[in-house]
All heavy atoms as atom14 arrays in JSON, in Angstrom:
{
  "sequence": "KEPKKDSSGNISCNMYVVMKYFAEVLLSDI",
  "atom14_mask": [
    [1, 1, 1, 1, 1, 1, 1, 1, 1, 0, 0, 0, 0, 0],
    [1, 1, 1, 1, 1, 1, 1, 1, 1, 0, 0, 0, 0, 0],
    [1, 1, 1, 1, 1, 1, 1, 0, 0, 0, 0, 0, 0, 0],
    [1, 1, 1, 1, 1, 1, 1, 1, 1, 0, 0, 0, 0, 0],
    [1, 1, 1, 1, 1, 1, 1, 1, 1, 0, 0, 0, 0, 0],
    [1, 1, 1, 1, 1, 1, 1, 1, 0, 0, 0, 0, 0, 0],
    [1, 1, 1, 1, 1, 1, 0, 0, 0, 0, 0, 0, 0, 0],
    [1, 1, 1, 1, 1, 1, 0, 0, 0, 0, 0, 0, 0, 0],
    [1, 1, 1, 1, 0, 0, 0, 0, 0, 0, 0, 0, 0, 0],
    [1, 1, 1, 1, 1, 1, 1, 1, 0, 0, 0, 0, 0, 0],
    [1, 1, 1, 1, 1, 1, 1, 1, 0, 0, 0, 0, 0, 0],
    [1, 1, 1, 1, 1, 1, 0, 0, 0, 0, 0, 0, 0, 0],
    [1, 1, 1, 1, 1, 1, 0, 0, 0, 0, 0, 0, 0, 0],
    [1, 1, 1, 1, 1, 1, 1, 1, 0, 0, 0, 0, 0, 0],
    [1, 1, 1, 1, 1, 1, 1, 1, 0, 0, 0, 0, 0, 0],
    [1, 1, 1, 1, 1, 1, 1, 1, 1, 1, 1, 1, 0, 0],
    [1, 1, 1, 1, 1, 1, 1, 0, 0, 0, 0, 0, 0, 0],
    [1, 1, 1, 1, 1, 1, 1, 0, 0, 0, 0, 0, 0, 0],
    [1, 1, 1, 1, 1, 1, 1, 1, 0, 0, 0, 0, 0, 0],
    [1, 1, 1, 1, 1, 1, 1, 1, 1, 0, 0, 0, 0, 0],
    [1, 1, 1, 1, 1, 1, 1, 1, 1, 1, 1, 1, 0, 0],
    [1, 1, 1, 1, 1, 1, 1, 1, 1, 1, 1, 0, 0, 0],
    [1, 1, 1, 1, 1, 0, 0, 0, 0, 0, 0, 0, 0, 0],
    [1, 1, 1, 1, 1, 1, 1, 1, 1, 0, 0, 0, 0, 0],
    [1, 1, 1, 1, 1, 1, 1, 0, 0, 0, 0, 0, 0, 0],
    [1, 1, 1, 1, 1, 1, 1, 1, 0, 0, 0, 0, 0, 0],
    [1, 1, 1, 1, 1, 1, 1, 1, 0, 0, 0, 0, 0, 0],
    [1, 1, 1, 1, 1, 1, 0, 0, 0, 0, 0, 0, 0, 0],
    [1, 1, 1, 1, 1, 1, 1, 1, 0, 0, 0, 0, 0, 0],
    [1, 1, 1, 1, 1, 1, 1, 1, 0, 0, 0, 0, 0, 0]
  ],
  "atom14_positions": [
    [[61.47, 5.88, 60.74], [61.18, 7.27, 60.4], [61.03, 7.4, 58.89], [61.8, 6.82, 58.12], [62.3, 8.18, 60.9], [62.09, 9.65, 60.61], [63.24, 10.48, 61.17], [63.03, 11.95, 60.87], [64.14, 12.79, 61.4], [0.0, 0.0, 0.0], [0.0, 0.0, 0.0], [0.0, 0.0, 0.0], [0.0, 0.0, 0.0], [0.0, 0.0, 0.0]],
    [[60.01, 8.18, 58.47], [59.78, 8.44, 57.06], [60.28, 9.83, 56.7], [60.41, 10.7, 57.58], [58.29, 8.33, 56.73], [57.79, 6.91, 56.58], [56.43, 6.86, 55.92], [55.86, 7.94, 55.66], [55.95, 5.75, 55.67], [0.0, 0.0, 0.0], [0.0, 0.0, 0.0], [0.0, 0.0, 0.0], [0.0, 0.0, 0.0], [0.0, 0.0, 0.0]],
    [[60.52, 10.06, 55.42], [60.94, 11.41, 55.01], [59.86, 12.44, 55.32], [58.66, 12.15, 55.25], [61.19, 11.27, 53.51], [61.43, 9.81, 53.3], [60.6, 9.1, 54.33], [0.0, 0.0, 0.0], [0.0, 0.0, 0.0], [0.0, 0.0, 0.0], [0.0, 0.0, 0.0], [0.0, 0.0, 0.0], [0.0, 0.0, 0.0], [0.0, 0.0, 0.0]],
    [[60.28, 13.64, 55.61], [59.36, 14.71, 55.97], [58.56, 15.14, 54.76], [59.09, 15.33, 53.67], [60.15, 15.9, 56.53], [59.3, 16.99, 57.13], [58.72, 16.56, 58.46], [57.99, 17.7, 59.15], [57.41, 17.32, 60.43], [0.0, 0.0, 0.0], [0.0, 0.0, 0.0], [0.0, 0.0, 0.0], [0.0, 0.0, 0.0], [0.0, 0.0, 0.0]],
    [[57.22, 15.28, 54.96], [56.33, 15.74, 53.9], [55.67, 17.04, 54.34], [55.42, 17.26, 55.51], [55.25, 14.7, 53.59], [55.8, 13.41, 53.01], [54.68, 12.46, 52.69], [55.23, 11.16, 52.1], [54.12, 10.2, 51.79], [0.0, 0.0, 0.0], [0.0, 0.0, 0.0], [0.0, 0.0, 0.0], [0.0, 0.0, 0.0], [0.0, 0.0, 0.0]],
    [[55.38, 17.86, 53.37], [54.74, 19.14, 53.64], [53.23, 18.93, 53.71], [52.57, 18.67, 52.71], [55.08, 20.16, 52.54], [54.51, 21.54, 52.87], [54.15, 21.76, 54.05], [54.46, 22.39, 51.96], [0.0, 0.0, 0.0], [0.0, 0.0, 0.0], [0.0, 0.0, 0.0], [0.0, 0.0, 0.0], [0.0, 0.0, 0.0], [0.0, 0.0, 0.0]],
    [[52.7, 19.03, 54.92], [51.27, 18.84, 55.13], [50.63, 20.08, 55.72], [49.61, 20.01, 56.4], [51.02, 17.65, 56.05], [51.66, 17.85, 57.3], [0.0, 0.0, 0.0], [0.0, 0.0, 0.0], [0.0, 0.0, 0.0], [0.0, 0.0, 0.0], [0.0, 0.0, 0.0], [0.0, 0.0, 0.0], [0.0, 0.0, 0.0], [0.0, 0.0, 0.0]],
    [[51.25, 21.22, 55.52], [50.71, 22.46, 56.08], [49.43, 22.84, 55.38], [49.32, 22.76, 54.16], [51.75, 23.59, 55.94], [52.08, 23.79, 54.57], [0.0, 0.0, 0.0], [0.0, 0.0, 0.0], [0.0, 0.0, 0.0], [0.0, 0.0, 0.0], [0.0, 0.0, 0.0], [0.0, 0.0, 0.0], [0.0, 0.0, 0.0], [0.0, 0.0, 0.0]],
    [[48.49, 23.26, 56.13], [47.21, 23.68, 55.57], [46.21, 22.56, 55.42], [45.04, 22.81, 55.13], [0.0, 0.0, 0.0], [0.0, 0.0, 0.0], [0.0, 0.0, 0.0], [0.0, 0.0, 0.0], [0.0, 0.0, 0.0], [0.0, 0.0, 0.0], [0.0, 0.0, 0.0], [0.0, 0.0, 0.0], [0.0, 0.0, 0.0], [0.0, 0.0, 0.0]],
    [[46.64, 21.32, 55.6], [45.72, 20.19, 55.5], [44.97, 20.0, 56.82], [45.53, 20.18, 57.89], [46.48, 18.91, 55.15], [47.12, 18.99, 53.77], [46.66, 19.75, 52.92], [48.19, 18.23, 53.58], [0.0, 0.0, 0.0], [0.0, 0.0, 0.0], [0.0, 0.0, 0.0], [0.0, 0.0, 0.0], [0.0, 0.0, 0.0], [0.0, 0.0, 0.0]],
    [[43.75, 19.64, 56.71], [42.95, 19.34, 57.9], [42.62, 17.86, 57.89], [42.63, 17.2, 56.85], [41.66, 20.19, 57.94], [40.78, 19.88, 56.73], [41.98, 21.66, 58.03], [39.44, 20.59, 56.78], [0.0, 0.0, 0.0], [0.0, 0.0, 0.0], [0.0, 0.0, 0.0], [0.0, 0.0, 0.0], [0.0, 0.0, 0.0], [0.0, 0.0, 0.0]],
    [[42.33, 17.35, 59.06], [42.07, 15.92, 59.18], [40.73, 15.54, 58.57], [39.86, 16.4, 58.35], [42.1, 15.51, 60.66], [41.09, 16.22, 61.36], [0.0, 0.0, 0.0], [0.0, 0.0, 0.0], [0.0, 0.0, 0.0], [0.0, 0.0, 0.0], [0.0, 0.0, 0.0], [0.0, 0.0, 0.0], [0.0, 0.0, 0.0], [0.0, 0.0, 0.0]],
    [[40.59, 14.24, 58.31], [39.36, 13.77, 57.67], [38.14, 13.99, 58.55], [37.07, 14.39, 58.06], [39.52, 12.28, 57.32], [40.86, 11.94, 56.15], [0.0, 0.0, 0.0], [0.0, 0.0, 0.0], [0.0, 0.0, 0.0], [0.0, 0.0, 0.0], [0.0, 0.0, 0.0], [0.0, 0.0, 0.0], [0.0, 0.0, 0.0], [0.0, 0.0, 0.0]],
    [[38.28, 13.73, 59.86], [37.12, 13.89, 60.72], [36.71, 15.35, 60.85], [35.53, 15.67, 60.91], [37.41, 13.28, 62.1], [38.73, 13.78, 62.68], [39.41, 14.59, 62.06], [39.07, 13.27, 63.84], [0.0, 0.0, 0.0], [0.0, 0.0, 0.0], [0.0, 0.0, 0.0], [0.0, 0.0, 0.0], [0.0, 0.0, 0.0], [0.0, 0.0, 0.0]],
    [[37.71, 16.26, 60.89], [37.37, 17.69, 60.92], [36.7, 18.12, 59.61], [35.77, 18.94, 59.61], [38.62, 18.52, 61.17], [39.23, 18.34, 62.56], [40.7, 19.32, 62.79], [40.04, 20.97, 62.57], [0.0, 0.0, 0.0], [0.0, 0.0, 0.0], [0.0, 0.0, 0.0], [0.0, 0.0, 0.0], [0.0, 0.0, 0.0], [0.0, 0.0, 0.0]],
    [[37.16, 17.56, 58.49], [36.57, 17.91, 57.2], [35.12, 17.45, 57.11], [34.24, 18.19, 56.63], [37.39, 17.29, 56.08], [36.83, 17.55, 54.7], [37.04, 18.77, 54.07], [36.1, 16.57, 54.04], [36.51, 19.01, 52.8], [35.58, 16.79, 52.78], [35.78, 18.02, 52.17], [35.26, 18.26, 50.92], [0.0, 0.0, 0.0], [0.0, 0.0, 0.0]],
    [[34.83, 16.24, 57.6], [33.46, 15.73, 57.56], [32.54, 16.58, 58.43], [31.42, 16.93, 58.03], [33.44, 14.26, 58.01], [32.01, 13.77, 58.18], [34.17, 13.39, 57.01], [0.0, 0.0, 0.0], [0.0, 0.0, 0.0], [0.0, 0.0, 0.0], [0.0, 0.0, 0.0], [0.0, 0.0, 0.0], [0.0, 0.0, 0.0], [0.0, 0.0, 0.0]],
    [[33.01, 16.96, 59.61], [32.18, 17.77, 60.5], [31.94, 19.16, 59.92], [30.82, 19.68, 59.94], [32.84, 17.86, 61.89], [32.09, 18.84, 62.78], [32.88, 16.5, 62.55], [0.0, 0.0, 0.0], [0.0, 0.0, 0.0], [0.0, 0.0, 0.0], [0.0, 0.0, 0.0], [0.0, 0.0, 0.0], [0.0, 0.0, 0.0], [0.0, 0.0, 0.0]],
    [[33.0, 19.77, 59.39], [32.86, 21.13, 58.86], [32.07, 21.17, 57.55], [31.26, 22.07, 57.34], [34.25, 21.73, 58.64], [35.04, 21.96, 59.93], [36.75, 22.43, 59.61], [36.5, 23.9, 58.61], [0.0, 0.0, 0.0], [0.0, 0.0, 0.0], [0.0, 0.0, 0.0], [0.0, 0.0, 0.0], [0.0, 0.0, 0.0], [0.0, 0.0, 0.0]],
    [[32.3, 20.2, 56.68], [31.71, 20.26, 55.34], [30.28, 19.75, 55.3], [29.43, 20.31, 54.61], [32.59, 19.44, 54.37], [32.12, 19.48, 52.93], [32.24, 20.87, 52.33], [31.84, 20.88, 50.86], [31.89, 22.24, 50.29], [0.0, 0.0, 0.0], [0.0, 0.0, 0.0], [0.0, 0.0, 0.0], [0.0, 0.0, 0.0], [0.0, 0.0, 0.0]],
    [[29.99, 18.71, 56.05], [28.69, 18.06, 55.94], [27.82, 18.26, 57.19], [26.72, 18.81, 57.11], [28.87, 16.56, 55.65], [29.58, 16.29, 54.35], [30.92, 15.95, 54.33], [28.9, 16.38, 53.14], [31.58, 15.69, 53.13], [29.54, 16.13, 51.93], [30.89, 15.79, 51.94], [31.52, 15.55, 50.76], [0.0, 0.0, 0.0], [0.0, 0.0, 0.0]],
    [[28.31, 17.81, 58.34], [27.48, 17.84, 59.54], [27.08, 19.25, 59.93], [25.9, 19.53, 60.19], [28.22, 17.16, 60.69], [27.43, 17.1, 61.96], [26.41, 16.18, 62.13], [27.69, 17.99, 62.99], [25.66, 16.13, 63.3], [26.95, 17.95, 64.17], [25.94, 17.02, 64.31], [0.0, 0.0, 0.0], [0.0, 0.0, 0.0], [0.0, 0.0, 0.0]],
    [[28.04, 20.17, 59.98], [27.74, 21.53, 60.42], [26.8, 22.24, 59.44], [25.86, 22.94, 59.86], [29.03, 22.32, 60.58], [0.0, 0.0, 0.0], [0.0, 0.0, 0.0], [0.0, 0.0, 0.0], [0.0, 0.0, 0.0], [0.0, 0.0, 0.0], [0.0, 0.0, 0.0], [0.0, 0.0, 0.0], [0.0, 0.0, 0.0], [0.0, 0.0, 0.0]],
    [[27.03, 22.06, 58.15], [26.17, 22.74, 57.17], [24.74, 22.22, 57.21], [23.79, 23.0, 57.11], [26.77, 22.56, 55.77], [28.07, 23.32, 55.54], [28.54, 23.21, 54.12], [27.82, 22.56, 53.3], [29.62, 23.76, 53.79], [0.0, 0.0, 0.0], [0.0, 0.0, 0.0], [0.0, 0.0, 0.0], [0.0, 0.0, 0.0], [0.0, 0.0, 0.0]],
    [[24.59, 20.9, 57.37], [23.24, 20.34, 57.42], [22.54, 20.74, 58.72], [21.36, 21.12, 58.72], [23.31, 18.81, 57.28], [21.93, 18.19, 57.51], [23.84, 18.42, 55.91], [0.0, 0.0, 0.0], [0.0, 0.0, 0.0], [0.0, 0.0, 0.0], [0.0, 0.0, 0.0], [0.0, 0.0, 0.0], [0.0, 0.0, 0.0], [0.0, 0.0, 0.0]],
    [[23.26, 20.7, 59.83], [22.65, 21.02, 61.12], [22.23, 22.48, 61.21], [21.21, 22.81, 61.81], [23.63, 20.69, 62.25], [23.13, 20.91, 63.68], [21.93, 20.01, 63.97], [24.24, 20.66, 64.69], [0.0, 0.0, 0.0], [0.0, 0.0, 0.0], [0.0, 0.0, 0.0], [0.0, 0.0, 0.0], [0.0, 0.0, 0.0], [0.0, 0.0, 0.0]],
    [[22.98, 23.39, 60.61], [22.69, 24.82, 60.69], [21.78, 25.32, 59.58], [21.56, 26.54, 59.47], [24.0, 25.61, 60.68], [24.96, 25.34, 61.85], [26.24, 26.14, 61.71], [24.28, 25.65, 63.18], [0.0, 0.0, 0.0], [0.0, 0.0, 0.0], [0.0, 0.0, 0.0], [0.0, 0.0, 0.0], [0.0, 0.0, 0.0], [0.0, 0.0, 0.0]],
    [[21.26, 24.42, 58.78], [20.34, 24.85, 57.73], [19.01, 25.3, 58.32], [18.66, 24.95, 59.45], [20.12, 23.71, 56.72], [19.49, 22.62, 57.36], [0.0, 0.0, 0.0], [0.0, 0.0, 0.0], [0.0, 0.0, 0.0], [0.0, 0.0, 0.0], [0.0, 0.0, 0.0], [0.0, 0.0, 0.0], [0.0, 0.0, 0.0], [0.0, 0.0, 0.0]],
    [[18.26, 26.08, 57.57], [16.99, 26.66, 58.06], [15.92, 25.59, 58.29], [14.96, 25.84, 59.04], [16.48, 27.7, 57.07], [17.43, 28.89, 56.95], [18.18, 29.12, 57.92], [17.42, 29.56, 55.89], [0.0, 0.0, 0.0], [0.0, 0.0, 0.0], [0.0, 0.0, 0.0], [0.0, 0.0, 0.0], [0.0, 0.0, 0.0], [0.0, 0.0, 0.0]],
    [[16.03, 24.44, 57.67], [15.02, 23.4, 57.82], [15.34, 22.48, 59.0], [14.47, 22.12, 59.79], [14.89, 22.57, 56.53], [14.47, 23.49, 55.36], [13.9, 21.44, 56.7], [14.41, 22.78, 54.03], [0.0, 0.0, 0.0], [0.0, 0.0, 0.0], [0.0, 0.0, 0.0], [0.0, 0.0, 0.0], [0.0, 0.0, 0.0], [0.0, 0.0, 0.0]]
  ]
}
């Protein structure tokens, strides 16, 4: 067991990639 860390508000890497890059590019007008 490791000491408890405060990770509230953090999102996972895969969710960040989908939200930041994939979704924005896919929903663009072009």
